[in-house]
Amino acid sequence: MPSTQSPVPRKMMRRGKRSFASLKCLGAYDRSKFANLNHICDECYQLYRDQTIHVACREDCFRNDIFFGCVDALLLSHEHKSLKEMINHINGRK
């Protein structure tokens, strides 16, 4: 049975991998986990409309206080544990 979802365009996938590498993420590229973490920074930007926060949120491959400040500001504190697991995964930690 064919999937009803359209595949992610190659251009978008390459852009994600480039972002992954530019943030110095050291683990395996997982498009879904990376997109979820990146989405939090995007939403935080929408909340504050401050490019500096958007950039700082992604620094050190999401391993920073600004990222978790955004998580709290977006009322996602209940997801801290799963987000830390995602961050550890894309940074090569188990």
PDB file of N, CA and C in Angstrom:
ATOM      1  N   MET A   1       0.855  -1.181   0.000  1.00  0.00           N
ATOM      2  CA  MET A   1       0.000   0.000   0.000  1.00  0.00           C
ATOM      3  C   MET A   1       0.896   1.238   0.000  1.00  0.00           C
ATOM      4  N   PRO A   2       0.740   2.143  -0.948  1.00  0.00           N
ATOM      5  CA  PRO A   2       1.588   3.334  -1.019  1.00  0.00           C
ATOM      6  C   PRO A   2       1.291   4.298   0.118  1.00  0.00           C
ATOM      7  N   SER A   3       2.309   5.017   0.486  1.00  0.00           N
ATOM      8  CA  SER A   3       2.181   6.014   1.556  1.00  0.00           C
ATOM      9  C   SER A   3       1.382   7.202   1.056  1.00  0.00           C
ATOM     10  N   THR A   4       0.579   7.781   1.931  1.00  0.00           N
ATOM     11  CA  THR A   4      -0.193   8.965   1.563  1.00  0.00           C
ATOM     12  C   THR A   4       0.604  10.242   1.764  1.00  0.00           C
ATOM     13  N   GLN A   5       1.730  10.135   2.446  1.00  0.00           N
ATOM     14  CA  GLN A   5       2.568  11.301   2.665  1.00  0.00           C
ATOM     15  C   GLN A   5       3.537  11.444   1.510  1.00  0.00           C
ATOM     16  N   SER A   6       3.727  12.680   1.072  1.00  0.00           N
ATOM     17  CA  SER A   6       4.703  12.892   0.009  1.00  0.00           C
ATOM     18  C   SER A   6       6.095  12.857   0.629  1.00  0.00           C
ATOM     19  N   PRO A   7       7.068  12.326  -0.105  1.00  0.00           N
ATOM     20  CA  PRO A   7       8.426  12.273   0.429  1.00  0.00           C
ATOM     21  C   PRO A   7       9.001  13.672   0.590  1.00  0.00           C
ATOM     22  N   VAL A   8       9.934  13.790   1.505  1.00  0.00           N
ATOM     23  CA  VAL A   8      10.606  15.070   1.713  1.00  0.00           C
ATOM     24  C   VAL A   8      11.486  15.337   0.501  1.00  0.00           C
ATOM     25  N   PRO A   9      11.354  16.501  -0.131  1.00  0.00           N
ATOM     26  CA  PRO A   9      12.196  16.798  -1.284  1.00  0.00           C
ATOM     27  C   PRO A   9      13.676  16.695  -0.921  1.00  0.00           C
ATOM     28  N   ARG A  10      14.478  16.206  -1.873  1.00  0.00           N
ATOM     29  CA  ARG A  10      15.914  16.049  -1.633  1.00  0.00           C
ATOM     30  C   ARG A  10      16.560  17.356  -1.199  1.00  0.00           C
ATOM     31  N   LYS A  11      16.131  18.454  -1.796  1.00  0.00           N
ATOM     32  CA  LYS A  11      16.707  19.754  -1.457  1.00  0.00           C
ATOM     33  C   LYS A  11      16.503  20.056   0.027  1.00  0.00           C
ATOM     34  N   MET A  12      15.298  19.773   0.546  1.00  0.00           N
ATOM     35  CA  MET A  12      15.007  20.005   1.958  1.00  0.00           C
ATOM     36  C   MET A  12      15.852  19.086   2.832  1.00  0.00           C
ATOM     37  N   MET A  13      16.039  17.829   2.410  1.00  0.00           N
ATOM     38  CA  MET A  13      16.822  16.886   3.192  1.00  0.00           C
ATOM     39  C   MET A  13      18.276  17.347   3.254  1.00  0.00           C
ATOM     40  N   ARG A  14      18.821  17.795   2.125  1.00  0.00           N
ATOM     41  CA  ARG A  14      20.208  18.273   2.113  1.00  0.00           C
ATOM     42  C   ARG A  14      20.352  19.487   3.004  1.00  0.00           C
ATOM     43  N   ARG A  15      19.378  20.393   2.986  1.00  0.00           N
ATOM     44  CA  ARG A  15      19.430  21.581   3.829  1.00  0.00           C
ATOM     45  C   ARG A  15      19.456  21.182   5.296  1.00  0.00           C
ATOM     46  N   GLY A  16      18.655  20.194   5.686  1.00  0.00           N
ATOM     47  CA  GLY A  16      18.646  19.715   7.060  1.00  0.00           C
ATOM     48  C   GLY A  16      19.981  19.120   7.460  1.00  0.00           C
ATOM     49  N   LYS A  17      20.572  18.341   6.551  1.00  0.00           N
ATOM     50  CA  LYS A  17      21.871  17.739   6.843  1.00  0.00           C
ATOM     51  C   LYS A  17      22.949  18.802   6.949  1.00  0.00           C
ATOM     52  N   ARG A  18      22.858  19.836   6.109  1.00  0.00           N
ATOM     53  CA  ARG A  18      23.837  20.928   6.190  1.00  0.00           C
ATOM     54  C   ARG A  18      23.700  21.648   7.524  1.00  0.00           C
ATOM     55  N   SER A  19      22.472  21.910   7.950  1.00  0.00           N
ATOM     56  CA  SER A  19      22.253  22.563   9.246  1.00  0.00           C
ATOM     57  C   SER A  19      22.796  21.693  10.365  1.00  0.00           C
ATOM     58  N   PHE A  20      22.533  20.412  10.277  1.00  0.00           N
ATOM     59  CA  PHE A  20      23.002  19.443  11.265  1.00  0.00           C
ATOM     60  C   PHE A  20      24.518  19.537  11.399  1.00  0.00           C
ATOM     61  N   ALA A  21      25.204  19.535  10.277  1.00  0.00           N
ATOM     62  CA  ALA A  21      26.667  19.604  10.277  1.00  0.00           C
ATOM     63  C   ALA A  21      27.162  20.969  10.745  1.00  0.00           C
ATOM     64  N   SER A  22      26.489  22.032  10.340  1.00  0.00           N
ATOM     65  CA  SER A  22      26.945  23.373  10.721  1.00  0.00           C
ATOM     66  C   SER A  22      26.790  23.628  12.218  1.00  0.00           C
ATOM     67  N   LEU A  23      25.866  22.920  12.865  1.00  0.00           N
ATOM     68  CA  LEU A  23      25.679  23.063  14.308  1.00  0.00           C
ATOM     69  C   LEU A  23      26.650  22.181  15.084  1.00  0.00           C
ATOM     70  N   LYS A  24      27.479  21.452  14.355  1.00  0.00           N
ATOM     71  CA  LYS A  24      28.485  20.558  14.937  1.00  0.00           C
ATOM     72  C   LYS A  24      27.863  19.430  15.765  1.00  0.00           C
ATOM     73  N   CYS A  25      26.735  18.942  15.269  1.00  0.00           N
ATOM     74  CA  CYS A  25      26.128  17.765  15.885  1.00  0.00           C
ATOM     75  C   CYS A  25      27.000  16.567  15.536  1.00  0.00           C
ATOM     76  N   LEU A  26      27.351  15.773  16.527  1.00  0.00           N
ATOM     77  CA  LEU A  26      28.337  14.722  16.341  1.00  0.00           C
ATOM     78  C   LEU A  26      27.755  13.317  16.232  1.00  0.00           C
ATOM     79  N   GLY A  27      26.465  13.173  16.367  1.00  0.00           N
ATOM     80  CA  GLY A  27      25.848  11.852  16.294  1.00  0.00           C
ATOM     81  C   GLY A  27      25.320  11.561  14.911  1.00  0.00           C
ATOM     82  N   ALA A  28      24.449  10.576  14.833  1.00  0.00           N
ATOM     83  CA  ALA A  28      23.831  10.187  13.571  1.00  0.00           C
ATOM     84  C   ALA A  28      22.721  11.176  13.224  1.00  0.00           C
ATOM     85  N   TYR A  29      22.632  11.524  11.947  1.00  0.00           N
ATOM     86  CA  TYR A  29      21.577  12.424  11.499  1.00  0.00           C
ATOM     87  C   TYR A  29      20.248  11.686  11.531  1.00  0.00           C
ATOM     88  N   ASP A  30      19.338  12.179  12.333  1.00  0.00           N
ATOM     89  CA  ASP A  30      17.979  11.650  12.407  1.00  0.00           C
ATOM     90  C   ASP A  30      17.062  12.810  12.060  1.00  0.00           C
ATOM     91  N   ARG A  31      16.548  12.774  10.843  1.00  0.00           N
ATOM     92  CA  ARG A  31      15.762  13.893  10.319  1.00  0.00           C
ATOM     93  C   ARG A  31      14.610  14.273  11.246  1.00  0.00           C
ATOM     94  N   SER A  32      13.914  13.283  11.763  1.00  0.00           N
ATOM     95  CA  SER A  32      12.748  13.537  12.612  1.00  0.00           C
ATOM     96  C   SER A  32      13.143  14.223  13.929  1.00  0.00           C
ATOM     97  N   LYS A  33      14.148  13.685  14.592  1.00  0.00           N
ATOM     98  CA  LYS A  33      14.575  14.272  15.865  1.00  0.00           C
ATOM     99  C   LYS A  33      15.142  15.669  15.659  1.00  0.00           C
ATOM    100  N   PHE A  34      15.960  15.823  14.623  1.00  0.00           N
ATOM    101  CA  PHE A  34      16.533  17.133  14.346  1.00  0.00           C
ATOM    102  C   PHE A  34      15.434  18.142  14.034  1.00  0.00           C
ATOM    103  N   ALA A  35      14.452  17.731  13.247  1.00  0.00           N
ATOM    104  CA  ALA A  35      13.347  18.628  12.890  1.00  0.00           C
ATOM    105  C   ALA A  35      12.537  19.025  14.126  1.00  0.00           C
ATOM    106  N   ASN A  36      12.299  18.075  15.035  1.00  0.00           N
ATOM    107  CA  ASN A  36      11.553  18.391  16.259  1.00  0.00           C
ATOM    108  C   ASN A  36      12.279  19.428  17.111  1.00  0.00           C
ATOM    109  N   LEU A  37      13.581  19.241  17.270  1.00  0.00           N
ATOM    110  CA  LEU A  37      14.359  20.183  18.075  1.00  0.00           C
ATOM    111  C   LEU A  37      14.429  21.546  17.387  1.00  0.00           C
ATOM    112  N   ASN A  38      14.643  21.532  16.098  1.00  0.00           N
ATOM    113  CA  ASN A  38      14.732  22.770  15.338  1.00  0.00           C
ATOM    114  C   ASN A  38      13.402  23.530  15.380  1.00  0.00           C
ATOM    115  N   HIS A  39      12.305  22.778  15.358  1.00  0.00           N
ATOM    116  CA  HIS A  39      10.971  23.383  15.402  1.00  0.00           C
ATOM    117  C   HIS A  39      10.759  24.183  16.697  1.00  0.00           C
ATOM    118  N   ILE A  40      11.301  23.702  17.782  1.00  0.00           N
ATOM    119  CA  ILE A  40      11.191  24.434  19.047  1.00  0.00           C
ATOM    120  C   ILE A  40      11.863  25.800  18.921  1.00  0.00           C
ATOM    121  N   CYS A  41      13.041  25.826  18.304  1.00  0.00           N
ATOM    122  CA  CYS A  41      13.735  27.114  18.110  1.00  0.00           C
ATOM    123  C   CYS A  41      12.954  28.017  17.160  1.00  0.00           C
ATOM    124  N   ASP A  42      12.349  27.427  16.136  1.00  0.00           N
ATOM    125  CA  ASP A  42      11.531  28.214  15.206  1.00  0.00           C
ATOM    126  C   ASP A  42      10.322  28.816  15.924  1.00  0.00           C
ATOM    127  N   GLU A  43       9.679  28.007  16.756  1.00  0.00           N
ATOM    128  CA  GLU A  43       8.516  28.494  17.511  1.00  0.00           C
ATOM    129  C   GLU A  43       8.921  29.573  18.524  1.00  0.00           C
ATOM    130  N   CYS A  44      10.085  29.403  19.110  1.00  0.00           N
ATOM    131  CA  CYS A  44      10.590  30.396  20.057  1.00  0.00           C
ATOM    132  C   CYS A  44      10.835  31.718  19.324  1.00  0.00           C
ATOM    133  N   TYR A  45      11.369  31.633  18.111  1.00  0.00           N
ATOM    134  CA  TYR A  45      11.553  32.841  17.302  1.00  0.00           C
ATOM    135  C   TYR A  45      10.200  33.498  17.040  1.00  0.00           C
ATOM    136  N   GLN A  46       9.192  32.705  16.715  1.00  0.00           N
ATOM    137  CA  GLN A  46       7.855  33.256  16.455  1.00  0.00           C
ATOM    138  C   GLN A  46       7.293  33.948  17.700  1.00  0.00           C
ATOM    139  N   LEU A  47       7.619  33.414  18.847  1.00  0.00           N
ATOM    140  CA  LEU A  47       7.143  33.994  20.102  1.00  0.00           C
ATOM    141  C   LEU A  47       7.814  35.329  20.399  1.00  0.00           C
ATOM    142  N   TYR A  48       9.136  35.380  20.252  1.00  0.00           N
ATOM    143  CA  TYR A  48       9.897  36.570  20.639  1.00  0.00           C
ATOM    144  C   TYR A  48      10.305  37.467  19.476  1.00  0.00           C
ATOM    145  N   ARG A  49      10.285  36.936  18.263  1.00  0.00           N
ATOM    146  CA  ARG A  49      10.704  37.687  17.063  1.00  0.00           C
ATOM    147  C   ARG A  49      12.107  38.275  17.240  1.00  0.00           C
ATOM    148  N   ASP A  50      12.999  37.444  17.766  1.00  0.00           N
ATOM    149  CA  ASP A  50      14.370  37.879  18.018  1.00  0.00           C
ATOM    150  C   ASP A  50      15.320  36.858  17.383  1.00  0.00           C
ATOM    151  N   GLN A  51      15.997  37.285  16.324  1.00  0.00           N
ATOM    152  CA  GLN A  51      16.898  36.393  15.597  1.00  0.00           C
ATOM    153  C   GLN A  51      18.032  35.886  16.487  1.00  0.00           C
ATOM    154  N   THR A  52      18.471  36.701  17.434  1.00  0.00           N
ATOM    155  CA  THR A  52      19.555  36.285  18.335  1.00  0.00           C
ATOM    156  C   THR A  52      19.147  35.066  19.150  1.00  0.00           C
ATOM    157  N   ILE A  53      17.918  35.057  19.615  1.00  0.00           N
ATOM    158  CA  ILE A  53      17.414  33.907  20.375  1.00  0.00           C
ATOM    159  C   ILE A  53      17.342  32.683  19.472  1.00  0.00           C
ATOM    160  N   HIS A  54      16.897  32.876  18.252  1.00  0.00           N
ATOM    161  CA  HIS A  54      16.794  31.751  17.323  1.00  0.00           C
ATOM    162  C   HIS A  54      18.157  31.108  17.086  1.00  0.00           C
ATOM    163  N   VAL A  55      19.165  31.916  16.888  1.00  0.00           N
ATOM    164  CA  VAL A  55      20.523  31.407  16.663  1.00  0.00           C
ATOM    165  C   VAL A  55      21.062  30.758  17.936  1.00  0.00           C
ATOM    166  N   ALA A  56      20.903  31.435  19.070  1.00  0.00           N
ATOM    167  CA  ALA A  56      21.421  30.918  20.346  1.00  0.00           C
ATOM    168  C   ALA A  56      20.729  29.616  20.751  1.00  0.00           C
ATOM    169  N   CYS A  57      19.461  29.471  20.422  1.00  0.00           N
ATOM    170  CA  CYS A  57      18.695  28.270  20.745  1.00  0.00           C
ATOM    171  C   CYS A  57      19.320  27.030  20.110  1.00  0.00           C
ATOM    172  N   ARG A  58      19.887  27.185  18.930  1.00  0.00           N
ATOM    173  CA  ARG A  58      20.452  26.064  18.185  1.00  0.00           C
ATOM    174  C   ARG A  58      21.940  25.837  18.474  1.00  0.00           C
ATOM    175  N   GLU A  59      22.577  26.768  19.180  1.00  0.00           N
ATOM    176  CA  GLU A  59      24.007  26.661  19.441  1.00  0.00           C
ATOM    177  C   GLU A  59      24.371  25.347  20.106  1.00  0.00           C
ATOM    178  N   ASP A  60      25.560  24.887  19.798  1.00  0.00           N
ATOM    179  CA  ASP A  60      26.094  23.652  20.393  1.00  0.00           C
ATOM    180  C   ASP A  60      25.117  22.494  20.219  1.00  0.00           C
ATOM    181  N   CYS A  61      24.461  22.473  19.050  1.00  0.00           N
ATOM    182  CA  CYS A  61      23.523  21.394  18.705  1.00  0.00           C
ATOM    183  C   CYS A  61      22.437  21.230  19.785  1.00  0.00           C
ATOM    184  N   PHE A  62      21.854  22.359  20.180  1.00  0.00           N
ATOM    185  CA  PHE A  62      20.728  22.420  21.128  1.00  0.00           C
ATOM    186  C   PHE A  62      21.119  22.141  22.582  1.00  0.00           C
ATOM    187  N   ARG A  63      22.406  22.029  22.865  1.00  0.00           N
ATOM    188  CA  ARG A  63      22.853  21.776  24.249  1.00  0.00           C
ATOM    189  C   ARG A  63      23.168  23.109  24.916  1.00  0.00           C
ATOM    190  N   ASN A  64      22.127  23.846  25.272  1.00  0.00           N
ATOM    191  CA  ASN A  64      22.328  25.149  25.897  1.00  0.00           C
ATOM    192  C   ASN A  64      21.092  25.573  26.686  1.00  0.00           C
ATOM    193  N   ASP A  65      21.281  26.551  27.545  1.00  0.00           N
ATOM    194  CA  ASP A  65      20.193  27.027  28.412  1.00  0.00           C
ATOM    195  C   ASP A  65      19.102  27.762  27.641  1.00  0.00           C
ATOM    196  N   ILE A  66      19.469  28.411  26.544  1.00  0.00           N
ATOM    197  CA  ILE A  66      18.467  29.136  25.747  1.00  0.00           C
ATOM    198  C   ILE A  66      17.445  28.146  25.181  1.00  0.00           C
ATOM    199  N   PHE A  67      17.923  27.014  24.689  1.00  0.00           N
ATOM    200  CA  PHE A  67      17.003  26.007  24.157  1.00  0.00           C
ATOM    201  C   PHE A  67      15.981  25.603  25.219  1.00  0.00           C
ATOM    202  N   PHE A  68      16.454  25.282  26.414  1.00  0.00           N
ATOM    203  CA  PHE A  68      15.516  24.847  27.455  1.00  0.00           C
ATOM    204  C   PHE A  68      14.682  26.009  27.992  1.00  0.00           C
ATOM    205  N   GLY A  69      15.183  27.228  27.876  1.00  0.00           N
ATOM    206  CA  GLY A  69      14.361  28.401  28.185  1.00  0.00           C
ATOM    207  C   GLY A  69      13.213  28.512  27.195  1.00  0.00           C
ATOM    208  N   CYS A  70      13.506  28.222  25.932  1.00  0.00           N
ATOM    209  CA  CYS A  70      12.448  28.219  24.913  1.00  0.00           C
ATOM    210  C   CYS A  70      11.438  27.109  25.177  1.00  0.00           C
ATOM    211  N   VAL A  71      11.930  25.947  25.565  1.00  0.00           N
ATOM    212  CA  VAL A  71      11.039  24.825  25.898  1.00  0.00           C
ATOM    213  C   VAL A  71      10.067  25.266  26.992  1.00  0.00           C
ATOM    214  N   ASP A  72      10.579  25.909  28.017  1.00  0.00           N
ATOM    215  CA  ASP A  72       9.726  26.372  29.117  1.00  0.00           C
ATOM    216  C   ASP A  72       8.763  27.466  28.658  1.00  0.00           C
ATOM    217  N   ALA A  73       9.260  28.405  27.851  1.00  0.00           N
ATOM    218  CA  ALA A  73       8.419  29.500  27.368  1.00  0.00           C
ATOM    219  C   ALA A  73       7.280  28.985  26.488  1.00  0.00           C
ATOM    220  N   LEU A  74       7.520  27.882  25.799  1.00  0.00           N
ATOM    221  CA  LEU A  74       6.498  27.292  24.936  1.00  0.00           C
ATOM    222  C   LEU A  74       5.610  26.296  25.684  1.00  0.00           C
ATOM    223  N   LEU A  75       5.769  26.277  27.013  1.00  0.00           N
ATOM    224  CA  LEU A  75       4.973  25.406  27.889  1.00  0.00           C
ATOM    225  C   LEU A  75       5.149  23.925  27.553  1.00  0.00           C
ATOM    226  N   LEU A  76       6.404  23.551  27.273  1.00  0.00           N
ATOM    227  CA  LEU A  76       6.725  22.170  26.944  1.00  0.00           C
ATOM    228  C   LEU A  76       7.628  21.529  27.996  1.00  0.00           C
ATOM    229  N   SER A  77       7.614  22.068  29.193  1.00  0.00           N
ATOM    230  CA  SER A  77       8.481  21.563  30.258  1.00  0.00           C
ATOM    231  C   SER A  77       8.289  20.074  30.511  1.00  0.00           C
ATOM    232  N   HIS A  78       7.098  19.591  30.304  1.00  0.00           N
ATOM    233  CA  HIS A  78       6.815  18.169  30.510  1.00  0.00           C
ATOM    234  C   HIS A  78       7.565  17.274  29.514  1.00  0.00           C
ATOM    235  N   GLU A  79       8.174  17.871  28.488  1.00  0.00           N
ATOM    236  CA  GLU A  79       8.906  17.105  27.482  1.00  0.00           C
ATOM    237  C   GLU A  79      10.427  17.166  27.664  1.00  0.00           C
ATOM    238  N   HIS A  80      10.898  17.753  28.763  1.00  0.00           N
ATOM    239  CA  HIS A  80      12.337  17.902  29.002  1.00  0.00           C
ATOM    240  C   HIS A  80      13.084  16.578  28.804  1.00  0.00           C
ATOM    241  N   LYS A  81      12.597  15.511  29.413  1.00  0.00           N
ATOM    242  CA  LYS A  81      13.314  14.231  29.366  1.00  0.00           C
ATOM    243  C   LYS A  81      13.439  13.720  27.930  1.00  0.00           C
ATOM    244  N   SER A  82      12.352  13.713  27.191  1.00  0.00           N
ATOM    245  CA  SER A  82      12.405  13.196  25.816  1.00  0.00           C
ATOM    246  C   SER A  82      13.244  14.104  24.921  1.00  0.00           C
ATOM    247  N   LEU A  83      13.214  15.412  25.168  1.00  0.00           N
ATOM    248  CA  LEU A  83      14.037  16.329  24.381  1.00  0.00           C
ATOM    249  C   LEU A  83      15.521  16.120  24.668  1.00  0.00           C
ATOM    250  N   LYS A  84      15.851  15.897  25.932  1.00  0.00           N
ATOM    251  CA  LYS A  84      17.250  15.611  26.286  1.00  0.00           C
ATOM    252  C   LYS A  84      17.717  14.327  25.613  1.00  0.00           C
ATOM    253  N   GLU A  85      16.850  13.330  25.543  1.00  0.00           N
ATOM    254  CA  GLU A  85      17.193  12.081  24.864  1.00  0.00           C
ATOM    255  C   GLU A  85      17.443  12.316  23.377  1.00  0.00           C
ATOM    256  N   MET A  86      16.608  13.144  22.749  1.00  0.00           N
ATOM    257  CA  MET A  86      16.809  13.478  21.335  1.00  0.00           C
ATOM    258  C   MET A  86      18.138  14.203  21.134  1.00  0.00           C
ATOM    259  N   ILE A  87      18.414  15.163  22.005  1.00  0.00           N
ATOM    260  CA  ILE A  87      19.662  15.926  21.919  1.00  0.00           C
ATOM    261  C   ILE A  87      20.854  14.991  22.081  1.00  0.00           C
ATOM    262  N   ASN A  88      20.784  14.094  23.049  1.00  0.00           N
ATOM    263  CA  ASN A  88      21.870  13.139  23.253  1.00  0.00           C
ATOM    264  C   ASN A  88      22.062  12.249  22.031  1.00  0.00           C
ATOM    265  N   HIS A  89      20.976  11.832  21.430  1.00  0.00           N
ATOM    266  CA  HIS A  89      21.059  10.964  20.253  1.00  0.00           C
ATOM    267  C   HIS A  89      21.760  11.659  19.089  1.00  0.00           C
ATOM    268  N   ILE A  90      21.349  12.872  18.772  1.00  0.00           N
ATOM    269  CA  ILE A  90      21.961  13.547  17.620  1.00  0.00           C
ATOM    270  C   ILE A  90      23.367  14.047  17.924  1.00  0.00           C
ATOM    271  N   ASN A  91      23.742  13.983  19.205  1.00  0.00           N
ATOM    272  CA  ASN A  91      25.109  14.352  19.592  1.00  0.00           C
ATOM    273  C   ASN A  91      25.983  13.144  19.858  1.00  0.00           C
ATOM    274  N   GLY A  92      25.469  11.961  19.517  1.00  0.00           N
ATOM    275  CA  GLY A  92      26.268  10.742  19.648  1.00  0.00           C
ATOM    276  C   GLY A  92      26.381  10.195  21.038  1.00  0.00           C
ATOM    277  N   ARG A  93      25.451  10.558  21.899  1.00  0.00           N
ATOM    278  CA  ARG A  93      25.426  10.019  23.272  1.00  0.00           C
ATOM    279  C   ARG A  93      24.187   9.174  23.431  1.00  0.00           C
ATOM    280  N   LYS A  94      24.272   8.175  24.213  1.00  0.00           N
ATOM    281  CA  LYS A  94      23.109   7.286  24.428  1.00  0.00           C
ATOM    282  C   LYS A  94      22.408   7.611  25.715  1.00  0.00           C
TER     283      LYS A  94
END
